[in-house]
Amino acid sequence: MKTEIYKLLIERGIKPSVQRLAVLSYLLQTKAHPHADDIYLSLLPSMPTLSRTTVYSTLKLFAEKGVILSLNHDDKGVRYDGCTAPHAHFLCNVCNNLYDFPVENIEHKGLPKNFEIQEVQLMYKGLCEDCINKQK
């Protein structure tokens, strides 16, 4: 997997480093949509010299280069997603968990001809199954 991550970074014009490989590997292995501090705290035990600044700047670079998605759908701060394939998200209004949600064929009707779509973020909000069951 590290070889694929290394190649992906090179393809996007990003110089691979141990820290960058670790951050991207973490994001590609989780479905949790973590905040930057979550990533930092998860990697810190195995990388004691890792700094928060490195994690934040790495995430910013990755998002700018389209390697990851940067999600800012609530007041809790930016979250990150290693999956860049088209999909929507579902945010639970109670537990604040964020879930991937498959979508098919999103149409953009009515968009003027002189506009160019560069990114689409579709967010559903409501109650997840666990929170619905807890309320019963």
C-alpha atoms as a PDB file:
ATOM      1  CA  MET A   1       0.000   0.000   0.000  1.00  0.00           C
ATOM      2  CA  LYS A   2       2.860   2.403   0.756  1.00  0.00           C
ATOM      3  CA  THR A   3       4.061   2.049  -2.834  1.00  0.00           C
ATOM      4  CA  GLU A   4       0.650   3.129  -4.163  1.00  0.00           C
ATOM      5  CA  ILE A   5       0.512   6.061  -1.757  1.00  0.00           C
ATOM      6  CA  TYR A   6       4.030   7.092  -2.768  1.00  0.00           C
ATOM      7  CA  LYS A   7       3.061   6.946  -6.461  1.00  0.00           C
ATOM      8  CA  LEU A   8      -0.128   8.929  -5.839  1.00  0.00           C
ATOM      9  CA  LEU A   9       1.806  11.732  -4.166  1.00  0.00           C
ATOM     10  CA  ILE A  10       4.367  11.838  -6.981  1.00  0.00           C
ATOM     11  CA  GLU A  11       1.561  11.936  -9.592  1.00  0.00           C
ATOM     12  CA  ARG A  12       0.014  14.940  -7.810  1.00  0.00           C
ATOM     13  CA  GLY A  13       3.326  16.792  -7.645  1.00  0.00           C
ATOM     14  CA  ILE A  14       3.826  16.245  -3.916  1.00  0.00           C
ATOM     15  CA  LYS A  15       7.232  15.279  -2.554  1.00  0.00           C
ATOM     16  CA  PRO A  16       6.691  12.186  -0.370  1.00  0.00           C
ATOM     17  CA  SER A  17       7.992  12.252   3.194  1.00  0.00           C
ATOM     18  CA  VAL A  18       7.571   9.866   6.093  1.00  0.00           C
ATOM     19  CA  GLN A  19       5.030  12.213   7.673  1.00  0.00           C
ATOM     20  CA  ARG A  20       3.032  12.707   4.471  1.00  0.00           C
ATOM     21  CA  LEU A  21       2.938   8.978   3.805  1.00  0.00           C
ATOM     22  CA  ALA A  22       1.722   8.350   7.361  1.00  0.00           C
ATOM     23  CA  VAL A  23      -1.030  10.992   7.186  1.00  0.00           C
ATOM     24  CA  LEU A  24      -2.352   9.747   3.844  1.00  0.00           C
ATOM     25  CA  SER A  25      -2.116   6.106   4.885  1.00  0.00           C
ATOM     26  CA  TYR A  26      -4.157   6.914   7.992  1.00  0.00           C
ATOM     27  CA  LEU A  27      -6.834   8.718   5.972  1.00  0.00           C
ATOM     28  CA  LEU A  28      -7.103   5.931   3.421  1.00  0.00           C
ATOM     29  CA  GLN A  29      -7.606   3.346   6.177  1.00  0.00           C
ATOM     30  CA  THR A  30     -10.314   5.118   8.166  1.00  0.00           C
ATOM     31  CA  LYS A  31     -13.976   5.808   7.459  1.00  0.00           C
ATOM     32  CA  ALA A  32     -14.231   8.168  10.444  1.00  0.00           C
ATOM     33  CA  HIS A  33     -13.707  11.502   8.614  1.00  0.00           C
ATOM     34  CA  PRO A  34     -11.315  12.761  11.316  1.00  0.00           C
ATOM     35  CA  HIS A  35     -10.348  16.283  12.294  1.00  0.00           C
ATOM     36  CA  ALA A  36      -6.672  17.253  11.996  1.00  0.00           C
ATOM     37  CA  ASP A  37      -6.122  16.842  15.750  1.00  0.00           C
ATOM     38  CA  ASP A  38      -7.601  13.325  15.615  1.00  0.00           C
ATOM     39  CA  ILE A  39      -5.043  12.407  12.955  1.00  0.00           C
ATOM     40  CA  TYR A  40      -2.218  14.015  14.907  1.00  0.00           C
ATOM     41  CA  LEU A  41      -3.123  12.213  18.152  1.00  0.00           C
ATOM     42  CA  SER A  42      -3.510   8.872  16.364  1.00  0.00           C
ATOM     43  CA  LEU A  43      -0.104   9.108  14.678  1.00  0.00           C
ATOM     44  CA  LEU A  44       1.804  10.618  17.605  1.00  0.00           C
ATOM     45  CA  PRO A  45       2.510   7.364  19.500  1.00  0.00           C
ATOM     46  CA  SER A  46       4.295   5.867  16.497  1.00  0.00           C
ATOM     47  CA  MET A  47       5.829   9.199  15.394  1.00  0.00           C
ATOM     48  CA  PRO A  48       6.836  11.123  18.542  1.00  0.00           C
ATOM     49  CA  THR A  49       8.568  13.866  16.532  1.00  0.00           C
ATOM     50  CA  LEU A  50       5.439  14.632  14.488  1.00  0.00           C
ATOM     51  CA  SER A  51       4.109  18.164  14.970  1.00  0.00           C
ATOM     52  CA  ARG A  52       0.588  19.495  14.699  1.00  0.00           C
ATOM     53  CA  THR A  53       1.858  22.059  12.206  1.00  0.00           C
ATOM     54  CA  THR A  54       3.121  19.286   9.937  1.00  0.00           C
ATOM     55  CA  VAL A  55      -0.244  17.518  10.054  1.00  0.00           C
ATOM     56  CA  TYR A  56      -2.196  20.711   9.339  1.00  0.00           C
ATOM     57  CA  SER A  57       0.072  21.799   6.476  1.00  0.00           C
ATOM     58  CA  THR A  58       0.046  18.287   5.007  1.00  0.00           C
ATOM     59  CA  LEU A  59      -3.742  18.148   5.059  1.00  0.00           C
ATOM     60  CA  LYS A  60      -3.986  21.579   3.453  1.00  0.00           C
ATOM     61  CA  LEU A  61      -1.575  20.547   0.686  1.00  0.00           C
ATOM     62  CA  PHE A  62      -3.385  17.243   0.088  1.00  0.00           C
ATOM     63  CA  ALA A  63      -6.758  19.002  -0.166  1.00  0.00           C
ATOM     64  CA  GLU A  64      -5.372  21.635  -2.562  1.00  0.00           C
ATOM     65  CA  LYS A  65      -3.928  18.910  -4.813  1.00  0.00           C
ATOM     66  CA  GLY A  66      -7.135  16.828  -4.744  1.00  0.00           C
ATOM     67  CA  VAL A  67      -5.589  13.900  -2.885  1.00  0.00           C
ATOM     68  CA  ILE A  68      -8.204  14.117  -0.108  1.00  0.00           C
ATOM     69  CA  LEU A  69     -11.471  15.922   0.538  1.00  0.00           C
ATOM     70  CA  SER A  70     -11.736  18.753   3.035  1.00  0.00           C
ATOM     71  CA  LEU A  71     -15.202  18.791   4.622  1.00  0.00           C
ATOM     72  CA  ASN A  72     -16.556  21.782   6.505  1.00  0.00           C
ATOM     73  CA  HIS A  73     -20.212  20.967   7.074  1.00  0.00           C
ATOM     74  CA  ASP A  74     -20.673  21.837  10.733  1.00  0.00           C
ATOM     75  CA  ASP A  75     -19.367  24.148  13.443  1.00  0.00           C
ATOM     76  CA  LYS A  76     -17.016  21.469  14.826  1.00  0.00           C
ATOM     77  CA  GLY A  77     -14.267  22.275  12.312  1.00  0.00           C
ATOM     78  CA  VAL A  78     -12.838  20.798   9.149  1.00  0.00           C
ATOM     79  CA  ARG A  79     -12.872  17.038   8.708  1.00  0.00           C
ATOM     80  CA  TYR A  80     -10.974  15.032   6.126  1.00  0.00           C
ATOM     81  CA  ASP A  81     -11.882  12.174   3.821  1.00  0.00           C
ATOM     82  CA  GLY A  82      -9.393   9.954   2.007  1.00  0.00           C
ATOM     83  CA  CYS A  83     -12.043   8.838  -0.478  1.00  0.00           C
ATOM     84  CA  THR A  84     -12.207  11.228  -3.415  1.00  0.00           C
ATOM     85  CA  ALA A  85     -14.585   9.114  -5.516  1.00  0.00           C
ATOM     86  CA  PRO A  86     -18.005  10.746  -5.975  1.00  0.00           C
ATOM     87  CA  HIS A  87     -20.159  10.195  -2.887  1.00  0.00           C
ATOM     88  CA  ALA A  88     -22.305  12.145  -0.451  1.00  0.00           C
ATOM     89  CA  HIS A  89     -22.098  12.406   3.316  1.00  0.00           C
ATOM     90  CA  PHE A  90     -24.625  11.983   6.094  1.00  0.00           C
ATOM     91  CA  LEU A  91     -24.050  13.957   9.306  1.00  0.00           C
ATOM     92  CA  CYS A  92     -25.911  12.811  12.401  1.00  0.00           C
ATOM     93  CA  ASN A  93     -27.301  15.816  14.276  1.00  0.00           C
ATOM     94  CA  VAL A  94     -27.003  13.990  17.626  1.00  0.00           C
ATOM     95  CA  CYS A  95     -23.717  12.046  17.721  1.00  0.00           C
ATOM     96  CA  ASN A  96     -21.997  14.179  15.045  1.00  0.00           C
ATOM     97  CA  ASN A  97     -20.745  11.082  13.203  1.00  0.00           C
ATOM     98  CA  LEU A  98     -20.188  11.509   9.500  1.00  0.00           C
ATOM     99  CA  TYR A  99     -20.951   8.639   7.140  1.00  0.00           C
ATOM    100  CA  ASP A 100     -20.238   8.047   3.459  1.00  0.00           C
ATOM    101  CA  PHE A 101     -23.416   7.813   1.440  1.00  0.00           C
ATOM    102  CA  PRO A 102     -23.429   6.447  -2.115  1.00  0.00           C
ATOM    103  CA  VAL A 103     -25.050   8.555  -4.813  1.00  0.00           C
ATOM    104  CA  GLU A 104     -25.666   7.884  -8.454  1.00  0.00           C
ATOM    105  CA  ASN A 105     -25.601  10.297 -11.344  1.00  0.00           C
ATOM    106  CA  ILE A 106     -25.814  13.737  -9.753  1.00  0.00           C
ATOM    107  CA  GLU A 107     -27.252  16.091 -12.355  1.00  0.00           C
ATOM    108  CA  HIS A 108     -26.546  19.802 -12.438  1.00  0.00           C
ATOM    109  CA  LYS A 109     -29.520  21.156 -14.318  1.00  0.00           C
ATOM    110  CA  GLY A 110     -29.797  24.872 -14.852  1.00  0.00           C
ATOM    111  CA  LEU A 111     -26.106  25.656 -14.465  1.00  0.00           C
ATOM    112  CA  PRO A 112     -25.154  28.494 -16.833  1.00  0.00           C
ATOM    113  CA  LYS A 113     -22.891  27.478 -19.717  1.00  0.00           C
ATOM    114  CA  ASN A 114     -20.069  29.768 -18.626  1.00  0.00           C
ATOM    115  CA  PHE A 115     -19.741  28.067 -15.206  1.00  0.00           C
ATOM    116  CA  GLU A 116     -17.321  25.236 -14.486  1.00  0.00           C
ATOM    117  CA  ILE A 117     -17.992  22.785 -11.660  1.00  0.00           C
ATOM    118  CA  GLN A 118     -14.771  21.871  -9.887  1.00  0.00           C
ATOM    119  CA  GLU A 119     -16.185  20.190  -6.815  1.00  0.00           C
ATOM    120  CA  VAL A 120     -19.529  18.972  -5.507  1.00  0.00           C
ATOM    121  CA  GLN A 121     -20.226  18.261  -1.848  1.00  0.00           C
ATOM    122  CA  LEU A 122     -23.585  16.778  -1.048  1.00  0.00           C
ATOM    123  CA  MET A 123     -24.517  16.595   2.636  1.00  0.00           C
ATOM    124  CA  TYR A 124     -27.507  14.938   4.240  1.00  0.00           C
ATOM    125  CA  LYS A 125     -28.266  15.734   7.886  1.00  0.00           C
ATOM    126  CA  GLY A 126     -30.510  13.905  10.293  1.00  0.00           C
ATOM    127  CA  LEU A 127     -30.369  11.027  12.763  1.00  0.00           C
ATOM    128  CA  CYS A 128     -28.264   7.904  12.309  1.00  0.00           C
ATOM    129  CA  GLU A 129     -29.655   4.454  13.084  1.00  0.00           C
ATOM    130  CA  ASP A 130     -27.887   4.244  16.466  1.00  0.00           C
ATOM    131  CA  CYS A 131     -29.271   7.591  17.644  1.00  0.00           C
ATOM    132  CA  ILE A 132     -32.783   6.702  16.461  1.00  0.00           C
ATOM    133  CA  ASN A 133     -32.612   3.447  18.436  1.00  0.00           C
ATOM    134  CA  LYS A 134     -31.361   5.261  21.564  1.00  0.00           C
ATOM    135  CA  GLN A 135     -34.321   7.646  21.411  1.00  0.00           C
ATOM    136  CA  LYS A 136     -36.844   4.784  21.404  1.00  0.00           C
END
